[in-house]
Every structure is written in structure tokens, then in C-alpha cells.
Amino acid sequence: MELSRRETLTLGLGAAVLTLMPFRANATAEDGIAAFTGGAEVAEGGVTLTAPEIAENGNTVPIEVSAPGAVSILILAASNPEPGVATFNFGPLAAEQAASTRIRLAGTQDVIAVAKMADGSFAKATATVKVTIGGCGG
């Protein structure tokens, strides 16, 4: 089977478009925050997010989040294909509004925690985590 130059270019362009389409369909961190807050204003502070500055293995990055007075906390990894990582909900009998977990990061990126407070306001904290290549520290 012989292809003309026009057919080859058409097939190449079609393949390029198909490889880029999934990235456009993925949600962004801003979309996740807007869905969580309903478009409300988000203030800085009121949330404590603890994450390592450098993670040698992006598969298991430990994080801790705390927001006294929070009803719910959303964790996002900004550059992951699916940025929404976890949502923690706290009932009225919760001893404290804090959680810790391990998350997977696709590479060096910002981890964002957004808390919905009991009064209906929202607060946010951000931490940048550098993921090293191959876990070799370099």
C-alpha cells in the first residue's frame, strides 16, 4: 500500500491530535477548587499543609493537613492527570480536623489543600514538592 504525501500528512496530523486530546479533557486544579467551593472566594491561611520539600519517590509522598474548625478538606495535586487526590469530611464529634496520608505525584508540583470552614468560608494552603528522578536524590 502506497500513501500519497497528502494522506501521510493527514494521518500524522490525526495522530498528533489524538495524542493531545486526553490532556485537554483532564480537569485542572482550578476546576476542582471551583467545584469544591462553588465559586466562592478562597482565603490564604487557616490551613496547615505539611509535605516534604523533596520526595525521592513520587509514588508515596507523605502529607499532613490540619484546619481547626473545618468541615471538609480537599487535597489536590496540581500537575497530576487527575488533580483531585482526597477529600476528608469531619463530623461534629471529630476530635480534631486533621488528616495524614500518602499520595502519588507525577512529578515536581504544587500540592494544594482547601478547607471548608464551619462558617461557610474557605481557606487554602499550598506546598511545592520536588520529586527526584529515579529516587536517586539527583
C-alpha atoms as a PDB file:
ATOM      1  CA  MET A   1       0.000   0.000   0.000  1.00  0.00           C
ATOM      2  CA  GLU A   2       1.420   3.325  -1.045  1.00  0.00           C
ATOM      3  CA  LEU A   3       0.369   6.567   0.596  1.00  0.00           C
ATOM      4  CA  SER A   4       0.470   9.918  -1.084  1.00  0.00           C
ATOM      5  CA  ARG A   5       2.135  12.833   0.651  1.00  0.00           C
ATOM      6  CA  ARG A   6      -1.289  14.324   1.446  1.00  0.00           C
ATOM      7  CA  GLU A   7      -2.526  11.070   3.029  1.00  0.00           C
ATOM      8  CA  THR A   8       0.667  10.757   5.084  1.00  0.00           C
ATOM      9  CA  LEU A   9       0.321  14.307   6.380  1.00  0.00           C
ATOM     10  CA  THR A  10      -3.362  13.737   7.178  1.00  0.00           C
ATOM     11  CA  LEU A  11      -2.582  10.564   9.135  1.00  0.00           C
ATOM     12  CA  GLY A  12       0.266  12.290  11.011  1.00  0.00           C
ATOM     13  CA  LEU A  13      -1.900  15.272  11.905  1.00  0.00           C
ATOM     14  CA  GLY A  14      -4.703  12.966  13.056  1.00  0.00           C
ATOM     15  CA  ALA A  15      -2.296  11.019  15.277  1.00  0.00           C
ATOM     16  CA  ALA A  16      -0.943  14.242  16.789  1.00  0.00           C
ATOM     17  CA  VAL A  17      -4.449  15.473  17.570  1.00  0.00           C
ATOM     18  CA  LEU A  18      -5.392  12.157  19.183  1.00  0.00           C
ATOM     19  CA  THR A  19      -2.346  12.188  21.462  1.00  0.00           C
ATOM     20  CA  LEU A  20      -3.138  15.697  22.688  1.00  0.00           C
ATOM     21  CA  MET A  21      -6.871  15.175  23.235  1.00  0.00           C
ATOM     22  CA  PRO A  22      -6.703  13.308  26.575  1.00  0.00           C
ATOM     23  CA  PHE A  23      -4.669  16.126  28.132  1.00  0.00           C
ATOM     24  CA  ARG A  24      -7.308  18.690  27.159  1.00  0.00           C
ATOM     25  CA  ALA A  25     -10.084  16.524  28.616  1.00  0.00           C
ATOM     26  CA  ASN A  26      -8.440  16.295  32.055  1.00  0.00           C
ATOM     27  CA  ALA A  27      -9.639  18.552  34.808  1.00  0.00           C
ATOM     28  CA  THR A  28      -7.384  21.217  36.264  1.00  0.00           C
ATOM     29  CA  ALA A  29      -6.747  22.080  39.893  1.00  0.00           C
ATOM     30  CA  GLU A  30      -8.680  25.344  39.436  1.00  0.00           C
ATOM     31  CA  ASP A  31     -11.702  23.363  38.218  1.00  0.00           C
ATOM     32  CA  GLY A  32     -11.510  21.145  41.298  1.00  0.00           C
ATOM     33  CA  ILE A  33     -11.288  24.137  43.625  1.00  0.00           C
ATOM     34  CA  ALA A  34     -14.210  25.859  41.885  1.00  0.00           C
ATOM     35  CA  ALA A  35     -16.345  22.715  42.154  1.00  0.00           C
ATOM     36  CA  PHE A  36     -15.471  22.309  45.857  1.00  0.00           C
ATOM     37  CA  THR A  37     -16.090  25.965  46.770  1.00  0.00           C
ATOM     38  CA  GLY A  38     -18.969  26.625  44.413  1.00  0.00           C
ATOM     39  CA  GLY A  39     -17.017  29.603  43.068  1.00  0.00           C
ATOM     40  CA  ALA A  40     -16.694  31.281  46.481  1.00  0.00           C
ATOM     41  CA  GLU A  41     -13.673  33.358  47.482  1.00  0.00           C
ATOM     42  CA  VAL A  42     -10.772  31.346  48.973  1.00  0.00           C
ATOM     43  CA  ALA A  43      -8.563  32.998  51.601  1.00  0.00           C
ATOM     44  CA  GLU A  44      -4.914  32.153  52.243  1.00  0.00           C
ATOM     45  CA  GLY A  45      -4.113  30.816  55.707  1.00  0.00           C
ATOM     46  CA  GLY A  46      -6.103  28.902  58.289  1.00  0.00           C
ATOM     47  CA  VAL A  47      -4.857  25.601  56.872  1.00  0.00           C
ATOM     48  CA  THR A  48      -1.588  23.891  57.757  1.00  0.00           C
ATOM     49  CA  LEU A  49      -0.222  21.641  54.994  1.00  0.00           C
ATOM     50  CA  THR A  50       2.912  19.639  55.752  1.00  0.00           C
ATOM     51  CA  ALA A  51       4.658  17.956  52.826  1.00  0.00           C
ATOM     52  CA  PRO A  52       8.309  17.125  52.189  1.00  0.00           C
ATOM     53  CA  GLU A  53      10.289  19.677  50.211  1.00  0.00           C
ATOM     54  CA  ILE A  54      11.967  16.869  48.264  1.00  0.00           C
ATOM     55  CA  ALA A  55      10.451  13.429  47.686  1.00  0.00           C
ATOM     56  CA  GLU A  56      12.767  10.741  46.361  1.00  0.00           C
ATOM     57  CA  ASN A  57       9.838   8.545  45.357  1.00  0.00           C
ATOM     58  CA  GLY A  58       6.781  10.153  43.763  1.00  0.00           C
ATOM     59  CA  ASN A  59       4.724   7.002  44.396  1.00  0.00           C
ATOM     60  CA  THR A  60       4.436   7.566  48.163  1.00  0.00           C
ATOM     61  CA  VAL A  61       4.682  11.162  49.292  1.00  0.00           C
ATOM     62  CA  PRO A  62       3.536  11.644  52.911  1.00  0.00           C
ATOM     63  CA  ILE A  63       1.395  14.695  53.634  1.00  0.00           C
ATOM     64  CA  GLU A  64      -0.434  16.034  56.673  1.00  0.00           C
ATOM     65  CA  VAL A  65      -3.173  18.644  56.696  1.00  0.00           C
ATOM     66  CA  SER A  66      -4.841  20.434  59.584  1.00  0.00           C
ATOM     67  CA  ALA A  67      -7.559  23.090  59.643  1.00  0.00           C
ATOM     68  CA  PRO A  68      -9.148  23.790  63.040  1.00  0.00           C
ATOM     69  CA  GLY A  69     -12.855  24.453  62.585  1.00  0.00           C
ATOM     70  CA  ALA A  70     -13.054  22.778  59.154  1.00  0.00           C
ATOM     71  CA  VAL A  71     -15.984  20.698  57.999  1.00  0.00           C
ATOM     72  CA  SER A  72     -14.198  19.318  54.935  1.00  0.00           C
ATOM     73  CA  ILE A  73     -10.699  19.419  53.411  1.00  0.00           C
ATOM     74  CA  LEU A  74      -9.887  18.835  49.731  1.00  0.00           C
ATOM     75  CA  ILE A  75      -6.357  17.760  48.664  1.00  0.00           C
ATOM     76  CA  LEU A  76      -5.221  18.420  45.081  1.00  0.00           C
ATOM     77  CA  ALA A  77      -2.014  17.661  43.166  1.00  0.00           C
ATOM     78  CA  ALA A  78      -1.909  20.417  40.547  1.00  0.00           C
ATOM     79  CA  SER A  79       0.033  18.625  37.790  1.00  0.00           C
ATOM     80  CA  ASN A  80      -1.370  15.117  38.117  1.00  0.00           C
ATOM     81  CA  PRO A  81      -3.599  13.961  35.235  1.00  0.00           C
ATOM     82  CA  GLU A  82      -6.453  13.830  37.771  1.00  0.00           C
ATOM     83  CA  PRO A  83      -5.663  16.561  40.320  1.00  0.00           C
ATOM     84  CA  GLY A  84      -8.243  15.573  42.946  1.00  0.00           C
ATOM     85  CA  VAL A  85      -6.432  13.330  45.436  1.00  0.00           C
ATOM     86  CA  ALA A  86      -8.665  13.120  48.519  1.00  0.00           C
ATOM     87  CA  THR A  87     -11.484  14.787  50.409  1.00  0.00           C
ATOM     88  CA  PHE A  88     -11.684  14.462  54.181  1.00  0.00           C
ATOM     89  CA  ASN A  89     -15.041  15.181  55.868  1.00  0.00           C
ATOM     90  CA  PHE A  90     -15.278  15.848  59.600  1.00  0.00           C
ATOM     91  CA  GLY A  91     -18.405  15.355  61.672  1.00  0.00           C
ATOM     92  CA  PRO A  92     -19.391  17.237  64.827  1.00  0.00           C
ATOM     93  CA  LEU A  93     -17.790  14.562  67.048  1.00  0.00           C
ATOM     94  CA  ALA A  94     -14.370  14.684  65.341  1.00  0.00           C
ATOM     95  CA  ALA A  95     -11.623  15.164  67.916  1.00  0.00           C
ATOM     96  CA  GLU A  96      -9.620  17.321  65.517  1.00  0.00           C
ATOM     97  CA  GLN A  97      -9.851  18.430  61.916  1.00  0.00           C
ATOM     98  CA  ALA A  98      -6.622  16.884  60.694  1.00  0.00           C
ATOM     99  CA  ALA A  99      -5.595  14.023  58.439  1.00  0.00           C
ATOM    100  CA  SER A 100      -2.465  12.395  57.095  1.00  0.00           C
ATOM    101  CA  THR A 101      -1.989  10.173  54.072  1.00  0.00           C
ATOM    102  CA  ARG A 102       0.427   9.249  51.317  1.00  0.00           C
ATOM    103  CA  ILE A 103      -0.211  10.489  47.806  1.00  0.00           C
ATOM    104  CA  ARG A 104       1.210   9.804  44.355  1.00  0.00           C
ATOM    105  CA  LEU A 105       2.765  12.688  42.440  1.00  0.00           C
ATOM    106  CA  ALA A 106       3.506  12.579  38.706  1.00  0.00           C
ATOM    107  CA  GLY A 107       6.496  14.914  39.141  1.00  0.00           C
ATOM    108  CA  THR A 108       7.569  18.139  40.800  1.00  0.00           C
ATOM    109  CA  GLN A 109       4.412  20.136  41.513  1.00  0.00           C
ATOM    110  CA  ASP A 110       2.252  22.034  43.973  1.00  0.00           C
ATOM    111  CA  VAL A 111       0.073  20.205  46.481  1.00  0.00           C
ATOM    112  CA  ILE A 112      -2.980  22.275  47.445  1.00  0.00           C
ATOM    113  CA  ALA A 113      -5.265  21.895  50.461  1.00  0.00           C
ATOM    114  CA  VAL A 114      -8.607  23.749  50.513  1.00  0.00           C
ATOM    115  CA  ALA A 115     -10.719  23.674  53.680  1.00  0.00           C
ATOM    116  CA  LYS A 116     -14.404  24.473  54.031  1.00  0.00           C
ATOM    117  CA  MET A 117     -14.848  26.014  57.456  1.00  0.00           C
ATOM    118  CA  ALA A 118     -17.896  25.606  59.689  1.00  0.00           C
ATOM    119  CA  ASP A 119     -18.981  29.203  58.967  1.00  0.00           C
ATOM    120  CA  GLY A 120     -19.071  28.507  55.197  1.00  0.00           C
ATOM    121  CA  SER A 121     -15.805  30.299  54.350  1.00  0.00           C
ATOM    122  CA  PHE A 122     -12.906  28.647  52.547  1.00  0.00           C
ATOM    123  CA  ALA A 123      -9.175  28.667  53.296  1.00  0.00           C
ATOM    124  CA  LYS A 124      -6.221  27.329  51.343  1.00  0.00           C
ATOM    125  CA  ALA A 125      -2.575  26.311  51.731  1.00  0.00           C
ATOM    126  CA  THR A 126      -0.029  25.278  49.088  1.00  0.00           C
ATOM    127  CA  ALA A 127       3.254  23.360  49.281  1.00  0.00           C
ATOM    128  CA  THR A 128       5.689  22.646  46.459  1.00  0.00           C
ATOM    129  CA  VAL A 129       7.120  19.122  46.388  1.00  0.00           C
ATOM    130  CA  LYS A 130      10.164  18.375  44.232  1.00  0.00           C
ATOM    131  CA  VAL A 131      10.143  14.769  43.024  1.00  0.00           C
ATOM    132  CA  THR A 132      13.605  13.455  42.171  1.00  0.00           C
ATOM    133  CA  ILE A 133      14.184  11.235  39.156  1.00  0.00           C
ATOM    134  CA  GLY A 134      14.564   7.563  39.905  1.00  0.00           C
ATOM    135  CA  GLY A 135      14.710   8.076  43.653  1.00  0.00           C
ATOM    136  CA  CYS A 136      18.475   8.718  43.497  1.00  0.00           C
ATOM    137  CA  GLY A 137      18.325  12.177  45.033  1.00  0.00           C
ATOM    138  CA  GLY A 138      19.564  13.905  41.877  1.00  0.00           C
END
